[in-house]
Protein backbone atom coordinates (compact mmCIF):
# COMPACT_ATOMS: atom_id res chain seq x y z
CA MET A 1 -0.29 -0.20 -0.17
CA LYS A 2 2.46 2.09 0.77
CA GLY A 3 4.48 1.50 -2.32
CA LEU A 4 1.18 1.94 -4.56
CA ILE A 5 1.28 5.13 -2.36
CA LEU A 6 4.76 5.80 -3.23
CA LEU A 7 4.47 4.79 -6.91
CA GLN A 8 1.37 7.17 -6.73
CA ALA A 9 3.32 9.93 -5.35
CA LEU A 10 5.93 9.20 -7.48
CA ALA A 11 3.75 9.30 -10.87
CA ASP A 12 2.23 12.27 -9.21
CA GLN A 13 5.35 13.81 -8.74
CA SER A 14 6.65 12.77 -12.30
CA THR A 15 3.85 14.44 -13.92
CA ASN A 16 3.91 17.73 -11.81
CA ALA A 17 7.60 17.69 -13.21
CA ASP A 18 6.27 17.20 -16.85
CA GLU A 19 3.86 19.93 -15.99
CA VAL A 20 6.47 22.06 -14.66
CA MET A 21 9.08 21.42 -17.24
CA LYS A 22 6.30 21.92 -20.15
CA GLN A 23 5.33 25.12 -17.99
CA SER A 24 9.03 26.26 -18.06
CA GLU A 25 9.44 24.99 -21.82
CA GLU A 26 6.30 27.21 -22.37
CA LEU A 27 7.90 29.87 -20.34
CA LYS A 28 10.77 30.11 -22.01
CA LYS A 29 9.34 29.81 -24.96
CA GLN A 30 7.04 33.06 -24.22
CA ILE A 31 10.11 34.52 -22.89
CA ALA A 32 11.89 33.82 -26.15
CA ASP A 33 8.88 35.36 -28.12
CA LEU A 34 8.55 38.14 -25.81
CA GLN A 35 12.28 38.44 -26.53
CA ASP A 36 11.76 38.23 -30.00
CA THR A 37 9.04 40.55 -29.50
CA LEU A 38 10.91 42.85 -28.00
CA ILE A 39 13.72 42.75 -30.31
CA SER A 40 11.11 43.00 -33.58
CA THR A 41 10.09 46.00 -31.80
CA GLN A 42 13.35 47.33 -30.93
CA ASN A 43 14.59 47.10 -34.44
CA ASP A 44 11.57 48.34 -35.90
CA LYS A 45 11.79 51.72 -33.39
CA ILE A 46 15.24 51.60 -34.32
CA ALA A 47 14.63 51.33 -38.48
CA ASN A 48 12.08 53.77 -38.20
CA LEU A 49 14.72 55.65 -36.32
CA ILE A 50 17.23 55.35 -38.93
CA GLY A 51 14.71 55.77 -41.35
CA ASP A 52 13.20 59.63 -40.10
CA THR A 53 17.06 60.23 -39.27
CA GLY A 54 17.64 59.32 -43.09
CA LEU A 55 14.88 60.95 -43.90
CA ILE A 56 15.73 64.19 -41.58
CA VAL A 57 19.40 63.94 -42.73
CA GLY A 58 18.37 63.79 -46.22
CA VAL A 59 15.99 66.53 -45.60
CA PHE A 60 18.91 68.56 -44.04
CA GLY A 61 21.24 67.45 -46.63
CA LEU A 62 19.11 68.42 -49.40
CA ILE A 63 18.57 72.06 -47.56
CA PHE A 64 22.94 72.18 -47.36
CA THR A 65 22.81 71.31 -50.82
CA LEU A 66 20.70 73.72 -51.87
CA PHE A 67 21.79 76.06 -49.56
CA PHE A 68 25.48 75.32 -50.38
CA GLY A 69 24.49 75.51 -54.07
CA LEU A 70 23.21 78.89 -53.22
CA SER A 71 26.20 79.79 -51.61
CA VAL A 72 28.40 78.51 -54.44
CA PHE A 73 26.00 80.58 -57.05
CA ALA A 74 26.03 83.39 -54.58
CA VAL A 75 29.91 83.72 -54.60
CA ILE A 76 30.46 82.79 -58.42
CA TYR A 77 27.98 85.81 -58.94
CA ILE A 78 29.29 87.95 -56.32
CA GLN A 79 32.46 86.68 -57.78
CA HIS A 80 31.54 87.76 -61.26
CA LYS A 81 30.02 91.10 -60.50
CA ASN A 82 32.77 92.19 -58.73
CA ASN A 83 35.11 90.84 -61.71
CA LYS A 84 32.95 92.83 -63.63
CA ALA A 85 32.66 95.75 -61.86
CA LYS A 86 36.50 95.74 -61.77
CA GLU A 87 36.35 95.91 -65.35
CA ASP A 88 33.81 98.62 -65.35
CA MET A 89 35.57 100.34 -62.93
CA ALA A 90 38.86 99.80 -65.19
CA SER A 91 36.71 101.01 -68.30
CA ALA A 92 34.99 103.77 -66.06
CA LYS A 93 38.89 105.25 -65.09
CA LYS A 94 39.77 104.47 -68.70
CA LEU A 95 37.15 106.51 -69.91
CA SER A 96 37.69 109.39 -67.42
CA ALA A 97 40.97 109.64 -68.80
CA ASN A 98 40.24 109.67 -72.02
CA ALA A 99 37.77 112.40 -71.18
CA GLU A 100 40.05 114.59 -68.93
CA GLU A 101 42.37 113.96 -72.24
CA LEU A 102 39.46 115.02 -74.10
CA SER A 103 38.48 117.89 -71.92
CA LYS A 104 42.46 119.17 -72.01
CA LYS A 105 42.65 118.45 -75.68
CA GLY A 106 39.48 120.80 -75.84
CA ASN A 107 40.50 123.21 -73.54
CA GLN A 108 43.54 123.76 -75.56
CA ILE A 109 41.73 123.98 -79.13
CA ASN A 110 39.44 126.43 -77.04
CA GLN A 111 42.31 128.48 -76.41
CA GLN A 112 44.04 128.07 -79.47
CA ALA A 113 40.65 128.76 -81.36
CA SER A 114 39.90 131.89 -78.84
CA GLU A 115 43.83 133.46 -79.31
CA GLU A 116 43.21 132.71 -82.66
CA LEU A 117 39.89 134.65 -82.90
CA LYS A 118 41.66 137.18 -80.86
CA GLU A 119 44.30 137.59 -84.02
CA VAL A 120 41.86 137.40 -86.60
CA GLN A 121 39.93 140.31 -84.35
CA LYS A 122 43.06 142.15 -84.08
CA LYS A 123 43.95 141.56 -88.13
CA MET A 124 40.31 143.10 -88.85
CA LEU A 125 40.78 146.07 -86.70
CA GLU A 126 44.16 146.79 -88.31
CA ILE A 127 42.85 146.42 -91.87
CA ASP A 128 39.80 148.57 -90.72
CA TYR A 129 42.32 151.21 -89.38
CA LEU A 130 44.67 150.81 -92.44
CA MET A 131 41.53 151.61 -94.65
CA LYS A 132 40.52 154.85 -92.92
CA PHE A 133 44.10 155.76 -92.41
CA THR A 134 44.99 155.09 -95.97
CA GLN A 135 41.73 156.73 -97.12
CA LYS A 136 42.25 159.63 -95.06
CA HIS A 137 45.86 160.35 -95.85
CA SER A 138 44.82 159.93 -99.41
CA TRP A 139 42.65 162.67 -99.45
CA ALA A 140 45.71 164.72 -97.21
CA PHE A 141 48.01 164.26 -100.23
CA ALA A 142 45.29 165.47 -102.80
CA LYS A 143 44.62 168.63 -101.13
CA ILE A 144 48.76 169.08 -100.77
CA ASN A 145 48.54 168.41 -104.32
CA ARG A 146 45.83 170.72 -105.53
CA CYS A 147 47.04 173.40 -102.87
CA ARG A 148 50.57 173.04 -104.68
CA SER A 149 48.95 173.40 -107.87
CA ASN A 150 46.94 176.66 -106.89
CA LEU A 151 49.90 178.37 -105.37
CA ASP A 152 52.02 177.43 -108.30
CA THR A 153 49.59 179.55 -110.34
CA ILE A 154 49.22 181.94 -108.05
CA ASN A 155 52.97 182.46 -108.29
CA VAL A 156 52.59 183.08 -112.25
CA TYR A 157 49.87 185.98 -111.38
CA ILE A 158 51.61 187.62 -108.62
CA ASP A 159 55.40 187.21 -110.77
CA THR A 160 56.28 190.95 -111.78
CA ASN A 161 57.62 188.91 -115.04
CA THR A 162 54.45 188.26 -115.84
CA TYR A 163 53.34 191.89 -116.34
CA SER A 164 56.92 193.44 -117.56
CA LYS A 165 56.62 191.51 -120.59
CA SER A 166 54.13 193.82 -122.41
CA GLU A 167 54.15 196.77 -120.24
CA PRO A 168 56.61 199.57 -119.58
CA GLY A 169 58.73 199.55 -116.10
CA VAL A 170 57.20 202.53 -115.01
CA TYR A 171 53.93 200.92 -115.30
CA ILE A 172 55.38 197.84 -113.45
CA LEU A 173 56.49 199.46 -110.30
CA GLY A 174 52.82 201.27 -109.81
CA LEU A 175 51.77 196.92 -109.59
CA ILE A 176 54.46 196.10 -107.31
CA LYS A 177 52.55 197.45 -104.15
CA GLU A 178 49.32 195.45 -105.03
CA LEU A 179 51.48 192.37 -106.06
CA LYS A 180 53.46 192.05 -102.73
CA VAL A 181 49.97 192.07 -100.97
CA TYR A 182 49.13 188.77 -102.54
CA GLN A 183 52.90 187.46 -102.58
CA GLU A 184 53.20 187.86 -98.75
CA ARG A 185 49.69 185.55 -98.63
CA ARG A 186 50.80 183.36 -100.95
CA ALA A 187 54.07 182.68 -98.88
CA LYS A 188 51.85 181.83 -95.86
CA LEU A 189 50.21 179.98 -97.94
CA HIS A 190 53.20 178.20 -98.93
CA THR A 191 54.57 178.02 -95.42
CA ASP A 192 51.40 176.63 -93.81
CA LEU A 193 51.09 174.02 -96.39
CA ASN A 194 54.82 172.87 -96.29
CA MET A 195 54.24 172.34 -92.38
CA CYS A 196 51.33 170.32 -92.92
CA TYR A 197 53.01 168.33 -95.58
CA ALA A 198 55.95 167.27 -93.09
CA ILE A 199 53.66 166.31 -90.33
CA VAL A 200 51.21 164.05 -92.41
CA ASN A 201 54.37 162.45 -93.66
CA SER A 202 55.62 161.74 -90.35
CA LEU A 203 51.97 160.59 -89.46
CA VAL A 204 52.56 157.74 -92.26
CA ASP A 205 55.56 156.99 -91.79
CA ASN A 206 55.17 156.12 -87.78
CA PHE A 207 51.73 154.71 -88.70
CA TYR A 208 53.08 152.22 -91.22
CA GLN A 209 56.15 151.43 -89.11
CA TYR A 210 54.18 150.71 -86.27
CA VAL A 211 50.89 149.22 -87.49
CA ASN A 212 52.13 145.54 -86.18
CA LYS A 213 54.03 146.53 -83.24
CA VAL A 214 51.09 148.09 -80.78
CA GLU A 215 49.88 146.27 -77.95
CA GLU A 216 46.44 147.86 -78.47
CA ILE A 217 45.13 148.52 -81.89
CA SER A 218 42.81 151.51 -80.51
CA HIS A 219 46.43 153.29 -80.48
CA MET A 220 46.50 153.42 -84.15
CA GLN A 221 43.40 156.00 -83.98
CA ILE A 222 45.78 158.49 -81.89
CA VAL A 223 47.39 158.68 -85.57
CA ILE A 224 44.61 158.88 -87.30
CA ASP A 225 42.66 161.70 -84.87
CA ASN A 226 46.45 163.88 -85.48
CA LEU A 227 45.59 163.12 -89.20
CA ASP A 228 42.28 164.41 -89.00
CA LYS A 229 43.50 167.61 -87.69
CA GLN A 230 45.95 168.08 -90.71
CA LEU A 231 42.88 167.36 -92.55
CA SER A 232 41.08 170.11 -91.11
CA LYS A 233 43.94 172.61 -91.74
CA LEU A 234 44.81 171.26 -95.44
CA GLU A 235 40.67 172.27 -95.89
CA VAL A 236 41.47 175.50 -94.98
CA LEU A 237 44.42 175.73 -96.81
CA ASP A 238 42.69 174.81 -99.94
CA ASN A 239 39.90 177.31 -99.56
CA ASP A 240 42.32 180.00 -99.38
CA SER A 241 44.41 178.84 -102.13
CA GLU A 242 41.20 178.74 -104.00
CA GLN A 243 40.62 182.07 -103.11
CA LEU A 244 43.45 183.93 -103.55
CA LEU A 245 43.88 181.81 -107.15
CA GLU A 246 40.56 183.71 -108.13
CA GLU A 247 41.68 187.20 -106.50
CA VAL A 248 45.01 187.36 -108.30
CA SER A 249 43.25 185.92 -111.66
CA ARG A 250 40.69 188.31 -111.73
CA PHE A 251 43.80 191.01 -111.00
CA TYR A 252 45.42 189.94 -113.83
CA LYS A 253 42.54 189.93 -115.98
CA GLU A 254 41.44 193.35 -114.93
CA THR A 255 45.00 194.39 -114.94
CA MET A 256 45.33 193.69 -118.53
CA GLU A 257 42.26 194.78 -119.92
CA SER A 258 42.95 197.79 -118.12
CA ARG A 259 46.22 198.52 -119.94
CA LYS A 260 44.81 197.04 -123.04
CA ALA A 261 42.33 200.06 -122.61
CA ALA A 262 45.14 202.55 -122.12
CA ASN A 263 46.90 201.16 -125.14
CA ASN A 264 44.10 201.64 -127.45
CA PRO A 265 42.45 204.86 -126.88
CA THR A 266 41.50 205.18 -130.84
CA GLU A 267 39.95 201.87 -130.80
CA ASP A 268 37.61 202.36 -127.91
CA SER A 269 36.55 206.09 -129.15
CA GLU A 270 35.90 204.57 -132.65
CA GLN A 271 33.78 201.93 -130.68
CA GLY A 272 32.32 204.73 -128.59
CA GLY A 273 30.70 206.57 -131.91
CA GLN A 274 29.43 203.59 -133.33
């Protein structure tokens, strides 16, 4: 009985042991499954984390790439612009230098043109003064020559030899007093005329000698003004010589007619009787 109980007890223990073993195996299996599940979950999480990290890294890499590309483009663009700016600056400096050079040349040309214009204006003024002076000194010499011609003719009329050729000496003595007045007037005209002639010649010589040497063209006007004064004097001398010529011509005519009448009384009486 005790053996049966013992066997029974052994059988129960064996059964219990099997169950314990089975439970232990199941527990191990559950633990293994749990570990696998945990590992799988952990791997999934790690994979997800790696994927998220890769995505993040990819996104950031893309962003970095974009930024890098933009940075490189910006650097290249800035360098290009910088080089372009340098080239533009060089071109600008060159253009500025050319403009400055052209400005200098322009100033030189303007200055030269201004000097040439002044010289042309000076020459035009010289020609103007020269024409005025030439005209005036031509008038002066014309008046001098006419006065001299008048004085030469007057000299014939007031010369006693003109009357003595056909008149007796006693009669000539009677004319000397009247002729002396005319001779004195002619002598004064001759003296004044010679003085004007000398002054006009001096003015003409001075004008043509210094016409290209004066600093101011207007200085020529001084010579012209002096010549005008001589022209005024010559005008008076010309009028006086004309008047004296008319007087001595009339005196000669009247004297000759008077002497003719005195030498031919019969002819005059016959004419009176007729």
